[in-house]
Amino acid sequence: MTPEAKVKKRIKDILQELQCYSFSPIGGAYSSRGVPDIVGCLNGVFFGIEAKAGKGKTTALQDRELQRIRDAGGIALVVNEENLDSLKSELLEEARKRQWSR
């Protein structure tokens, strides 16, 4: 398993623990480029997570897509080994800020 695959697996474990709806879009000739590795919904709030390993950096295209998610009111995060442990609390906190009032 590659270092990035390990990060993705841990992210998916955390999302499952939070009972999020999430999936990993499959890239291909007919898919949109730059879409985050994992997208989903937590408490009615859309999120996109780009997983990186080590000193991996996002591309300009990935940055643009993450910003489009933020501009639309969603949560867009870049997660690596260094901030993986704070993902759960950060995602919950950000979802609370953006959640529609009911």
PDB file of N, CA and C in Angstrom:
ATOM      1  N   MET A   1       0.852  -1.176   0.000  1.00  0.00           N
ATOM      2  CA  MET A   1       0.000   0.000   0.000  1.00  0.00           C
ATOM      3  C   MET A   1       0.898   1.240   0.000  1.00  0.00           C
ATOM      4  N   THR A   2       0.604   2.173  -0.908  1.00  0.00           N
ATOM      5  CA  THR A   2       1.400   3.394  -1.000  1.00  0.00           C
ATOM      6  C   THR A   2       1.122   4.297   0.208  1.00  0.00           C
ATOM      7  N   PRO A   3       2.023   5.230   0.509  1.00  0.00           N
ATOM      8  CA  PRO A   3       1.766   6.161   1.612  1.00  0.00           C
ATOM      9  C   PRO A   3       0.452   6.934   1.437  1.00  0.00           C
ATOM     10  N   GLU A   4       0.150   7.366   0.207  1.00  0.00           N
ATOM     11  CA  GLU A   4      -1.102   8.097  -0.015  1.00  0.00           C
ATOM     12  C   GLU A   4      -2.312   7.188   0.178  1.00  0.00           C
ATOM     13  N   ALA A   5      -2.210   5.935  -0.227  1.00  0.00           N
ATOM     14  CA  ALA A   5      -3.306   4.982  -0.022  1.00  0.00           C
ATOM     15  C   ALA A   5      -3.567   4.765   1.467  1.00  0.00           C
ATOM     16  N   LYS A   6      -2.512   4.788   2.267  1.00  0.00           N
ATOM     17  CA  LYS A   6      -2.668   4.647   3.720  1.00  0.00           C
ATOM     18  C   LYS A   6      -3.418   5.846   4.290  1.00  0.00           C
ATOM     19  N   VAL A   7      -3.096   7.052   3.798  1.00  0.00           N
ATOM     20  CA  VAL A   7      -3.790   8.265   4.249  1.00  0.00           C
ATOM     21  C   VAL A   7      -5.269   8.175   3.854  1.00  0.00           C
ATOM     22  N   LYS A   8      -5.539   7.780   2.623  1.00  0.00           N
ATOM     23  CA  LYS A   8      -6.923   7.657   2.159  1.00  0.00           C
ATOM     24  C   LYS A   8      -7.701   6.645   2.991  1.00  0.00           C
ATOM     25  N   LYS A   9      -7.079   5.525   3.317  1.00  0.00           N
ATOM     26  CA  LYS A   9      -7.757   4.506   4.120  1.00  0.00           C
ATOM     27  C   LYS A   9      -8.109   5.049   5.494  1.00  0.00           C
ATOM     28  N   ARG A  10      -7.196   5.749   6.106  1.00  0.00           N
ATOM     29  CA  ARG A  10      -7.459   6.327   7.443  1.00  0.00           C
ATOM     30  C   ARG A  10      -8.563   7.385   7.359  1.00  0.00           C
ATOM     31  N   ILE A  11      -8.541   8.201   6.307  1.00  0.00           N
ATOM     32  CA  ILE A  11      -9.605   9.197   6.121  1.00  0.00           C
ATOM     33  C   ILE A  11     -10.951   8.486   6.026  1.00  0.00           C
ATOM     34  N   LYS A  12     -11.023   7.441   5.213  1.00  0.00           N
ATOM     35  CA  LYS A  12     -12.282   6.706   5.044  1.00  0.00           C
ATOM     36  C   LYS A  12     -12.742   6.084   6.349  1.00  0.00           C
ATOM     37  N   ASP A  13     -11.813   5.598   7.160  1.00  0.00           N
ATOM     38  CA  ASP A  13     -12.169   5.045   8.472  1.00  0.00           C
ATOM     39  C   ASP A  13     -12.792   6.123   9.359  1.00  0.00           C
ATOM     40  N   ILE A  14     -12.205   7.316   9.352  1.00  0.00           N
ATOM     41  CA  ILE A  14     -12.720   8.428  10.155  1.00  0.00           C
ATOM     42  C   ILE A  14     -14.110   8.829   9.661  1.00  0.00           C
ATOM     43  N   LEU A  15     -14.295   8.913   8.357  1.00  0.00           N
ATOM     44  CA  LEU A  15     -15.596   9.293   7.803  1.00  0.00           C
ATOM     45  C   LEU A  15     -16.660   8.249   8.133  1.00  0.00           C
ATOM     46  N   GLN A  16     -16.278   6.992   8.119  1.00  0.00           N
ATOM     47  CA  GLN A  16     -17.217   5.931   8.481  1.00  0.00           C
ATOM     48  C   GLN A  16     -17.606   6.058   9.951  1.00  0.00           C
ATOM     49  N   GLU A  17     -16.636   6.362  10.784  1.00  0.00           N
ATOM     50  CA  GLU A  17     -16.898   6.561  12.212  1.00  0.00           C
ATOM     51  C   GLU A  17     -17.883   7.719  12.429  1.00  0.00           C
ATOM     52  N   LEU A  18     -17.775   8.756  11.598  1.00  0.00           N
ATOM     53  CA  LEU A  18     -18.675   9.913  11.692  1.00  0.00           C
ATOM     54  C   LEU A  18     -20.015   9.653  10.999  1.00  0.00           C
ATOM     55  N   GLN A  19     -20.169   8.513  10.384  1.00  0.00           N
ATOM     56  CA  GLN A  19     -21.369   8.131   9.652  1.00  0.00           C
ATOM     57  C   GLN A  19     -21.679   9.114   8.520  1.00  0.00           C
ATOM     58  N   CYS A  20     -20.630   9.518   7.832  1.00  0.00           N
ATOM     59  CA  CYS A  20     -20.764  10.405   6.678  1.00  0.00           C
ATOM     60  C   CYS A  20     -21.156   9.601   5.453  1.00  0.00           C
ATOM     61  N   TYR A  21     -21.824  10.272   4.539  1.00  0.00           N
ATOM     62  CA  TYR A  21     -21.968   9.741   3.189  1.00  0.00           C
ATOM     63  C   TYR A  21     -20.716  10.194   2.452  1.00  0.00           C
ATOM     64  N   SER A  22     -19.981   9.265   1.854  1.00  0.00           N
ATOM     65  CA  SER A  22     -18.788   9.665   1.117  1.00  0.00           C
ATOM     66  C   SER A  22     -18.431   8.615   0.077  1.00  0.00           C
ATOM     67  N   PHE A  23     -17.687   9.055  -0.914  1.00  0.00           N
ATOM     68  CA  PHE A  23     -17.190   8.140  -1.933  1.00  0.00           C
ATOM     69  C   PHE A  23     -15.959   8.743  -2.589  1.00  0.00           C
ATOM     70  N   SER A  24     -15.248   7.909  -3.324  1.00  0.00           N
ATOM     71  CA  SER A  24     -14.058   8.337  -4.057  1.00  0.00           C
ATOM     72  C   SER A  24     -14.377   8.327  -5.547  1.00  0.00           C
ATOM     73  N   PRO A  25     -14.449   9.509  -6.161  1.00  0.00           N
ATOM     74  CA  PRO A  25     -14.727   9.562  -7.600  1.00  0.00           C
ATOM     75  C   PRO A  25     -13.613   8.863  -8.384  1.00  0.00           C
ATOM     76  N   ILE A  26     -14.005   8.151  -9.408  1.00  0.00           N
ATOM     77  CA  ILE A  26     -13.034   7.455 -10.240  1.00  0.00           C
ATOM     78  C   ILE A  26     -12.683   8.348 -11.422  1.00  0.00           C
ATOM     79  N   GLY A  27     -11.394   8.600 -11.595  1.00  0.00           N
ATOM     80  CA  GLY A  27     -10.940   9.434 -12.694  1.00  0.00           C
ATOM     81  C   GLY A  27     -10.927   8.667 -13.995  1.00  0.00           C
ATOM     82  N   GLY A  28     -11.060   9.388 -15.068  1.00  0.00           N
ATOM     83  CA  GLY A  28     -11.030   8.765 -16.377  1.00  0.00           C
ATOM     84  C   GLY A  28     -11.218   9.813 -17.459  1.00  0.00           C
ATOM     85  N   ALA A  29     -11.303   9.364 -18.674  1.00  0.00           N
ATOM     86  CA  ALA A  29     -11.412  10.271 -19.817  1.00  0.00           C
ATOM     87  C   ALA A  29     -12.665  11.139 -19.753  1.00  0.00           C
ATOM     88  N   TYR A  30     -13.730  10.647 -19.144  1.00  0.00           N
ATOM     89  CA  TYR A  30     -14.991  11.380 -19.120  1.00  0.00           C
ATOM     90  C   TYR A  30     -15.290  12.036 -17.771  1.00  0.00           C
ATOM     91  N   SER A  31     -14.344  12.017 -16.857  1.00  0.00           N
ATOM     92  CA  SER A  31     -14.572  12.613 -15.544  1.00  0.00           C
ATOM     93  C   SER A  31     -13.961  14.010 -15.485  1.00  0.00           C
ATOM     94  N   SER A  32     -14.413  14.780 -14.513  1.00  0.00           N
ATOM     95  CA  SER A  32     -13.872  16.129 -14.305  1.00  0.00           C
ATOM     96  C   SER A  32     -12.490  16.035 -13.683  1.00  0.00           C
ATOM     97  N   ARG A  33     -11.603  16.863 -14.149  1.00  0.00           N
ATOM     98  CA  ARG A  33     -10.238  16.860 -13.619  1.00  0.00           C
ATOM     99  C   ARG A  33     -10.147  17.733 -12.376  1.00  0.00           C
ATOM    100  N   GLY A  34      -9.297  17.323 -11.431  1.00  0.00           N
ATOM    101  CA  GLY A  34      -9.063  18.111 -10.232  1.00  0.00           C
ATOM    102  C   GLY A  34     -10.028  17.845  -9.102  1.00  0.00           C
ATOM    103  N   VAL A  35     -11.006  16.958  -9.308  1.00  0.00           N
ATOM    104  CA  VAL A  35     -11.976  16.634  -8.261  1.00  0.00           C
ATOM    105  C   VAL A  35     -11.235  15.997  -7.090  1.00  0.00           C
ATOM    106  N   PRO A  36     -11.587  16.371  -5.843  1.00  0.00           N
ATOM    107  CA  PRO A  36     -10.900  15.800  -4.685  1.00  0.00           C
ATOM    108  C   PRO A  36     -10.998  14.276  -4.636  1.00  0.00           C
ATOM    109  N   ASP A  37     -10.083  13.660  -3.915  1.00  0.00           N
ATOM    110  CA  ASP A  37     -10.020  12.203  -3.794  1.00  0.00           C
ATOM    111  C   ASP A  37     -11.269  11.614  -3.147  1.00  0.00           C
ATOM    112  N   ILE A  38     -11.825  12.334  -2.178  1.00  0.00           N
ATOM    113  CA  ILE A  38     -13.000  11.861  -1.453  1.00  0.00           C
ATOM    114  C   ILE A  38     -13.983  13.021  -1.364  1.00  0.00           C
ATOM    115  N   VAL A  39     -15.240  12.751  -1.696  1.00  0.00           N
ATOM    116  CA  VAL A  39     -16.292  13.760  -1.550  1.00  0.00           C
ATOM    117  C   VAL A  39     -17.424  13.140  -0.741  1.00  0.00           C
ATOM    118  N   GLY A  40     -18.190  13.987  -0.082  1.00  0.00           N
ATOM    119  CA  GLY A  40     -19.278  13.459   0.719  1.00  0.00           C
ATOM    120  C   GLY A  40     -20.094  14.539   1.377  1.00  0.00           C
ATOM    121  N   CYS A  41     -20.887  14.111   2.353  1.00  0.00           N
ATOM    122  CA  CYS A  41     -21.792  15.002   3.057  1.00  0.00           C
ATOM    123  C   CYS A  41     -21.810  14.621   4.534  1.00  0.00           C
ATOM    124  N   LEU A  42     -21.736  15.622   5.391  1.00  0.00           N
ATOM    125  CA  LEU A  42     -21.813  15.434   6.840  1.00  0.00           C
ATOM    126  C   LEU A  42     -22.822  16.426   7.392  1.00  0.00           C
ATOM    127  N   ASN A  43     -23.874  15.930   7.992  1.00  0.00           N
ATOM    128  CA  ASN A  43     -24.920  16.775   8.577  1.00  0.00           C
ATOM    129  C   ASN A  43     -25.448  17.809   7.584  1.00  0.00           C
ATOM    130  N   GLY A  44     -25.612  17.397   6.337  1.00  0.00           N
ATOM    131  CA  GLY A  44     -26.161  18.284   5.316  1.00  0.00           C
ATOM    132  C   GLY A  44     -25.167  19.223   4.678  1.00  0.00           C
ATOM    133  N   VAL A  45     -23.890  19.063   4.982  1.00  0.00           N
ATOM    134  CA  VAL A  45     -22.852  19.939   4.433  1.00  0.00           C
ATOM    135  C   VAL A  45     -21.933  19.124   3.527  1.00  0.00           C
ATOM    136  N   PHE A  46     -21.761  19.597   2.287  1.00  0.00           N
ATOM    137  CA  PHE A  46     -20.895  18.938   1.315  1.00  0.00           C
ATOM    138  C   PHE A  46     -19.434  19.149   1.686  1.00  0.00           C
ATOM    139  N   PHE A  47     -18.611  18.119   1.466  1.00  0.00           N
ATOM    140  CA  PHE A  47     -17.179  18.287   1.674  1.00  0.00           C
ATOM    141  C   PHE A  47     -16.392  17.579   0.585  1.00  0.00           C
ATOM    142  N   GLY A  48     -15.183  18.064   0.372  1.00  0.00           N
ATOM    143  CA  GLY A  48     -14.221  17.439  -0.525  1.00  0.00           C
ATOM    144  C   GLY A  48     -12.884  17.366   0.185  1.00  0.00           C
ATOM    145  N   ILE A  49     -12.237  16.214   0.107  1.00  0.00           N
ATOM    146  CA  ILE A  49     -10.951  16.022   0.774  1.00  0.00           C
ATOM    147  C   ILE A  49      -9.936  15.547  -0.251  1.00  0.00           C
ATOM    148  N   GLU A  50      -8.843  16.279  -0.350  1.00  0.00           N
ATOM    149  CA  GLU A  50      -7.712  15.876  -1.190  1.00  0.00           C
ATOM    150  C   GLU A  50      -6.683  15.244  -0.267  1.00  0.00           C
ATOM    151  N   ALA A  51      -6.329  14.004  -0.526  1.00  0.00           N
ATOM    152  CA  ALA A  51      -5.360  13.274   0.303  1.00  0.00           C
ATOM    153  C   ALA A  51      -3.967  13.388  -0.301  1.00  0.00           C
ATOM    154  N   LYS A  52      -3.005  13.656   0.544  1.00  0.00           N
ATOM    155  CA  LYS A  52      -1.609  13.739   0.121  1.00  0.00           C
ATOM    156  C   LYS A  52      -0.750  12.974   1.112  1.00  0.00           C
ATOM    157  N   ALA A  53       0.400  12.552   0.659  1.00  0.00           N
ATOM    158  CA  ALA A  53       1.348  11.870   1.539  1.00  0.00           C
ATOM    159  C   ALA A  53       2.663  12.629   1.513  1.00  0.00           C
ATOM    160  N   GLY A  54       3.354  12.573   2.638  1.00  0.00           N
ATOM    161  CA  GLY A  54       4.661  13.220   2.713  1.00  0.00           C
ATOM    162  C   GLY A  54       4.580  14.701   2.392  1.00  0.00           C
ATOM    163  N   LYS A  55       5.437  15.151   1.509  1.00  0.00           N
ATOM    164  CA  LYS A  55       5.471  16.558   1.130  1.00  0.00           C
ATOM    165  C   LYS A  55       4.654  16.822  -0.137  1.00  0.00           C
ATOM    166  N   GLY A  56       3.730  15.907  -0.454  1.00  0.00           N
ATOM    167  CA  GLY A  56       2.885  16.053  -1.638  1.00  0.00           C
ATOM    168  C   GLY A  56       2.134  17.367  -1.633  1.00  0.00           C
ATOM    169  N   LYS A  57       2.119  18.019  -2.749  1.00  0.00           N
ATOM    170  CA  LYS A  57       1.456  19.325  -2.904  1.00  0.00           C
ATOM    171  C   LYS A  57       0.281  19.182  -3.855  1.00  0.00           C
ATOM    172  N   THR A  58      -0.724  20.006  -3.639  1.00  0.00           N
ATOM    173  CA  THR A  58      -1.843  20.031  -4.564  1.00  0.00           C
ATOM    174  C   THR A  58      -1.429  20.740  -5.848  1.00  0.00           C
ATOM    175  N   THR A  59      -2.073  20.354  -6.939  1.00  0.00           N
ATOM    176  CA  THR A  59      -1.818  21.019  -8.216  1.00  0.00           C
ATOM    177  C   THR A  59      -2.690  22.266  -8.298  1.00  0.00           C
ATOM    178  N   ALA A  60      -2.405  23.112  -9.265  1.00  0.00           N
ATOM    179  CA  ALA A  60      -3.215  24.313  -9.477  1.00  0.00           C
ATOM    180  C   ALA A  60      -4.664  23.918  -9.767  1.00  0.00           C
ATOM    181  N   LEU A  61      -4.864  22.865 -10.511  1.00  0.00           N
ATOM    182  CA  LEU A  61      -6.208  22.397 -10.836  1.00  0.00           C
ATOM    183  C   LEU A  61      -6.938  21.910  -9.584  1.00  0.00           C
ATOM    184  N   GLN A  62      -6.249  21.178  -8.725  1.00  0.00           N
ATOM    185  CA  GLN A  62      -6.854  20.725  -7.467  1.00  0.00           C
ATOM    186  C   GLN A  62      -7.185  21.916  -6.573  1.00  0.00           C
ATOM    187  N   ASP A  63      -6.283  22.895  -6.513  1.00  0.00           N
ATOM    188  CA  ASP A  63      -6.536  24.099  -5.715  1.00  0.00           C
ATOM    189  C   ASP A  63      -7.779  24.830  -6.208  1.00  0.00           C
ATOM    190  N   ARG A  64      -7.933  24.896  -7.525  1.00  0.00           N
ATOM    191  CA  ARG A  64      -9.094  25.575  -8.101  1.00  0.00           C
ATOM    192  C   ARG A  64     -10.384  24.863  -7.714  1.00  0.00           C
ATOM    193  N   GLU A  65     -10.397  23.544  -7.789  1.00  0.00           N
ATOM    194  CA  GLU A  65     -11.599  22.786  -7.444  1.00  0.00           C
ATOM    195  C   GLU A  65     -11.917  22.891  -5.955  1.00  0.00           C
ATOM    196  N   LEU A  66     -10.900  22.856  -5.109  1.00  0.00           N
ATOM    197  CA  LEU A  66     -11.122  23.020  -3.669  1.00  0.00           C
ATOM    198  C   LEU A  66     -11.700  24.402  -3.368  1.00  0.00           C
ATOM    199  N   GLN A  67     -11.220  25.417  -4.068  1.00  0.00           N
ATOM    200  CA  GLN A  67     -11.744  26.769  -3.865  1.00  0.00           C
ATOM    201  C   GLN A  67     -13.188  26.872  -4.351  1.00  0.00           C
ATOM    202  N   ARG A  68     -13.514  26.203  -5.430  1.00  0.00           N
ATOM    203  CA  ARG A  68     -14.899  26.205  -5.929  1.00  0.00           C
ATOM    204  C   ARG A  68     -15.845  25.596  -4.893  1.00  0.00           C
ATOM    205  N   ILE A  69     -15.385  24.556  -4.191  1.00  0.00           N
ATOM    206  CA  ILE A  69     -16.194  23.953  -3.132  1.00  0.00           C
ATOM    207  C   ILE A  69     -16.399  24.950  -2.006  1.00  0.00           C
ATOM    208  N   ARG A  70     -15.331  25.618  -1.592  1.00  0.00           N
ATOM    209  CA  ARG A  70     -15.444  26.634  -0.523  1.00  0.00           C
ATOM    210  C   ARG A  70     -16.375  27.757  -0.941  1.00  0.00           C
ATOM    211  N   ASP A  71     -16.242  28.224  -2.174  1.00  0.00           N
ATOM    212  CA  ASP A  71     -17.073  29.324  -2.674  1.00  0.00           C
ATOM    213  C   ASP A  71     -18.554  28.950  -2.689  1.00  0.00           C
ATOM    214  N   ALA A  72     -18.840  27.665  -2.855  1.00  0.00           N
ATOM    215  CA  ALA A  72     -20.221  27.182  -2.875  1.00  0.00           C
ATOM    216  C   ALA A  72     -20.751  26.881  -1.468  1.00  0.00           C
ATOM    217  N   GLY A  73     -19.930  27.121  -0.434  1.00  0.00           N
ATOM    218  CA  GLY A  73     -20.366  26.912   0.943  1.00  0.00           C
ATOM    219  C   GLY A  73     -19.998  25.565   1.525  1.00  0.00           C
ATOM    220  N   GLY A  74     -19.217  24.778   0.790  1.00  0.00           N
ATOM    221  CA  GLY A  74     -18.798  23.471   1.287  1.00  0.00           C
ATOM    222  C   GLY A  74     -17.476  23.527   2.032  1.00  0.00           C
ATOM    223  N   ILE A  75     -17.051  22.385   2.494  1.00  0.00           N
ATOM    224  CA  ILE A  75     -15.786  22.235   3.208  1.00  0.00           C
ATOM    225  C   ILE A  75     -14.791  21.599   2.251  1.00  0.00           C
ATOM    226  N   ALA A  76     -13.620  22.190   2.133  1.00  0.00           N
ATOM    227  CA  ALA A  76     -12.571  21.649   1.268  1.00  0.00           C
ATOM    228  C   ALA A  76     -11.287  21.557   2.080  1.00  0.00           C
ATOM    229  N   LEU A  77     -10.768  20.345   2.211  1.00  0.00           N
ATOM    230  CA  LEU A  77      -9.591  20.110   3.039  1.00  0.00           C
ATOM    231  C   LEU A  77      -8.518  19.351   2.269  1.00  0.00           C
ATOM    232  N   VAL A  78      -7.277  19.632   2.623  1.00  0.00           N
ATOM    233  CA  VAL A  78      -6.143  18.830   2.161  1.00  0.00           C
ATOM    234  C   VAL A  78      -5.628  18.115   3.394  1.00  0.00           C
ATOM    235  N   VAL A  79      -5.583  16.791   3.332  1.00  0.00           N
ATOM    236  CA  VAL A  79      -5.216  15.996   4.499  1.00  0.00           C
ATOM    237  C   VAL A  79      -3.995  15.148   4.181  1.00  0.00           C
ATOM    238  N   ASN A  80      -3.041  15.185   5.114  1.00  0.00           N
ATOM    239  CA  ASN A  80      -1.850  14.334   5.009  1.00  0.00           C
ATOM    240  C   ASN A  80      -1.575  13.726   6.380  1.00  0.00           C
ATOM    241  N   GLU A  81      -0.452  13.048   6.520  1.00  0.00           N
ATOM    242  CA  GLU A  81      -0.142  12.392   7.791  1.00  0.00           C
ATOM    243  C   GLU A  81      -0.058  13.387   8.946  1.00  0.00           C
ATOM    244  N   GLU A  82       0.348  14.615   8.671  1.00  0.00           N
ATOM    245  CA  GLU A  82       0.544  15.597   9.738  1.00  0.00           C
ATOM    246  C   GLU A  82      -0.767  16.102  10.338  1.00  0.00           C
ATOM    247  N   ASN A  83      -1.819  16.236   9.538  1.00  0.00           N
ATOM    248  CA  ASN A  83      -3.076  16.767  10.078  1.00  0.00           C
ATOM    249  C   ASN A  83      -4.187  15.722  10.113  1.00  0.00           C
ATOM    250  N   LEU A  84      -3.856  14.474   9.871  1.00  0.00           N
ATOM    251  CA  LEU A  84      -4.833  13.384   9.852  1.00  0.00           C
ATOM    252  C   LEU A  84      -5.552  13.229  11.184  1.00  0.00           C
ATOM    253  N   ASP A  85      -4.826  13.369  12.273  1.00  0.00           N
ATOM    254  CA  ASP A  85      -5.426  13.187  13.596  1.00  0.00           C
ATOM    255  C   ASP A  85      -6.445  14.272  13.945  1.00  0.00           C
ATOM    256  N   SER A  86      -6.355  15.429  13.303  1.00  0.00           N
ATOM    257  CA  SER A  86      -7.305  16.506  13.592  1.00  0.00           C
ATOM    258  C   SER A  86      -8.474  16.537  12.606  1.00  0.00           C
ATOM    259  N   LEU A  87      -8.504  15.595  11.657  1.00  0.00           N
ATOM    260  CA  LEU A  87      -9.560  15.597  10.637  1.00  0.00           C
ATOM    261  C   LEU A  87     -10.946  15.526  11.254  1.00  0.00           C
ATOM    262  N   LYS A  88     -11.159  14.609  12.167  1.00  0.00           N
ATOM    263  CA  LYS A  88     -12.487  14.423  12.758  1.00  0.00           C
ATOM    264  C   LYS A  88     -12.994  15.703  13.405  1.00  0.00           C
ATOM    265  N   SER A  89     -12.196  16.308  14.261  1.00  0.00           N
ATOM    266  CA  SER A  89     -12.643  17.516  14.957  1.00  0.00           C
ATOM    267  C   SER A  89     -12.799  18.690  13.992  1.00  0.00           C
ATOM    268  N   GLU A  90     -11.899  18.813  13.029  1.00  0.00           N
ATOM    269  CA  GLU A  90     -11.988  19.920  12.070  1.00  0.00           C
ATOM    270  C   GLU A  90     -13.221  19.788  11.183  1.00  0.00           C
ATOM    271  N   LEU A  91     -13.496  18.588  10.714  1.00  0.00           N
ATOM    272  CA  LEU A  91     -14.654  18.364   9.855  1.00  0.00           C
ATOM    273  C   LEU A  91     -15.949  18.625  10.619  1.00  0.00           C
ATOM    274  N   LEU A  92     -16.035  18.133  11.851  1.00  0.00           N
ATOM    275  CA  LEU A  92     -17.229  18.382  12.669  1.00  0.00           C
ATOM    276  C   LEU A  92     -17.427  19.867  12.935  1.00  0.00           C
ATOM    277  N   GLU A  93     -16.350  20.558  13.279  1.00  0.00           N
ATOM    278  CA  GLU A  93     -16.438  21.992  13.570  1.00  0.00           C
ATOM    279  C   GLU A  93     -16.868  22.786  12.336  1.00  0.00           C
ATOM    280  N   GLU A  94     -16.263  22.489  11.203  1.00  0.00           N
ATOM    281  CA  GLU A  94     -16.600  23.206   9.969  1.00  0.00           C
ATOM    282  C   GLU A  94     -18.034  22.905   9.532  1.00  0.00           C
ATOM    283  N   ALA A  95     -18.483  21.666   9.705  1.00  0.00           N
ATOM    284  CA  ALA A  95     -19.859  21.309   9.334  1.00  0.00           C
ATOM    285  C   ALA A  95     -20.858  22.065  10.206  1.00  0.00           C
ATOM    286  N   ARG A  96     -20.557  22.208  11.483  1.00  0.00           N
ATOM    287  CA  ARG A  96     -21.443  22.959  12.386  1.00  0.00           C
ATOM    288  C   ARG A  96     -21.561  24.416  11.951  1.00  0.00           C
ATOM    289  N   LYS A  97     -20.464  25.017  11.525  1.00  0.00           N
ATOM    290  CA  LYS A  97     -20.476  26.418  11.092  1.00  0.00           C
ATOM    291  C   LYS A  97     -21.355  26.629   9.858  1.00  0.00           C
ATOM    292  N   ARG A  98     -21.373  25.635   8.970  1.00  0.00           N
ATOM    293  CA  ARG A  98     -22.046  25.787   7.687  1.00  0.00           C
ATOM    294  C   ARG A  98     -23.439  25.167   7.632  1.00  0.00           C
ATOM    295  N   GLN A  99     -23.813  24.442   8.650  1.00  0.00           N
ATOM    296  CA  GLN A  99     -25.064  23.696   8.644  1.00  0.00           C
ATOM    297  C   GLN A  99     -26.256  24.639   8.526  1.00  0.00           C
ATOM    298  N   TRP A 100     -27.195  24.249   7.688  1.00  0.00           N
ATOM    299  CA  TRP A 100     -28.423  25.023   7.520  1.00  0.00           C
ATOM    300  C   TRP A 100     -29.165  25.061   8.838  1.00  0.00           C
ATOM    301  N   SER A 101     -29.724  26.210   9.169  1.00  0.00           N
ATOM    302  CA  SER A 101     -30.533  26.261  10.385  1.00  0.00           C
ATOM    303  C   SER A 101     -31.863  25.563  10.114  1.00  0.00           C
ATOM    304  N   ARG A 102     -32.281  24.788  11.065  1.00  0.00           N
ATOM    305  CA  ARG A 102     -33.488  23.966  10.861  1.00  0.00           C
ATOM    306  C   ARG A 102     -34.608  24.419  11.742  1.00  0.00           C
TER     307      ARG A 102
END
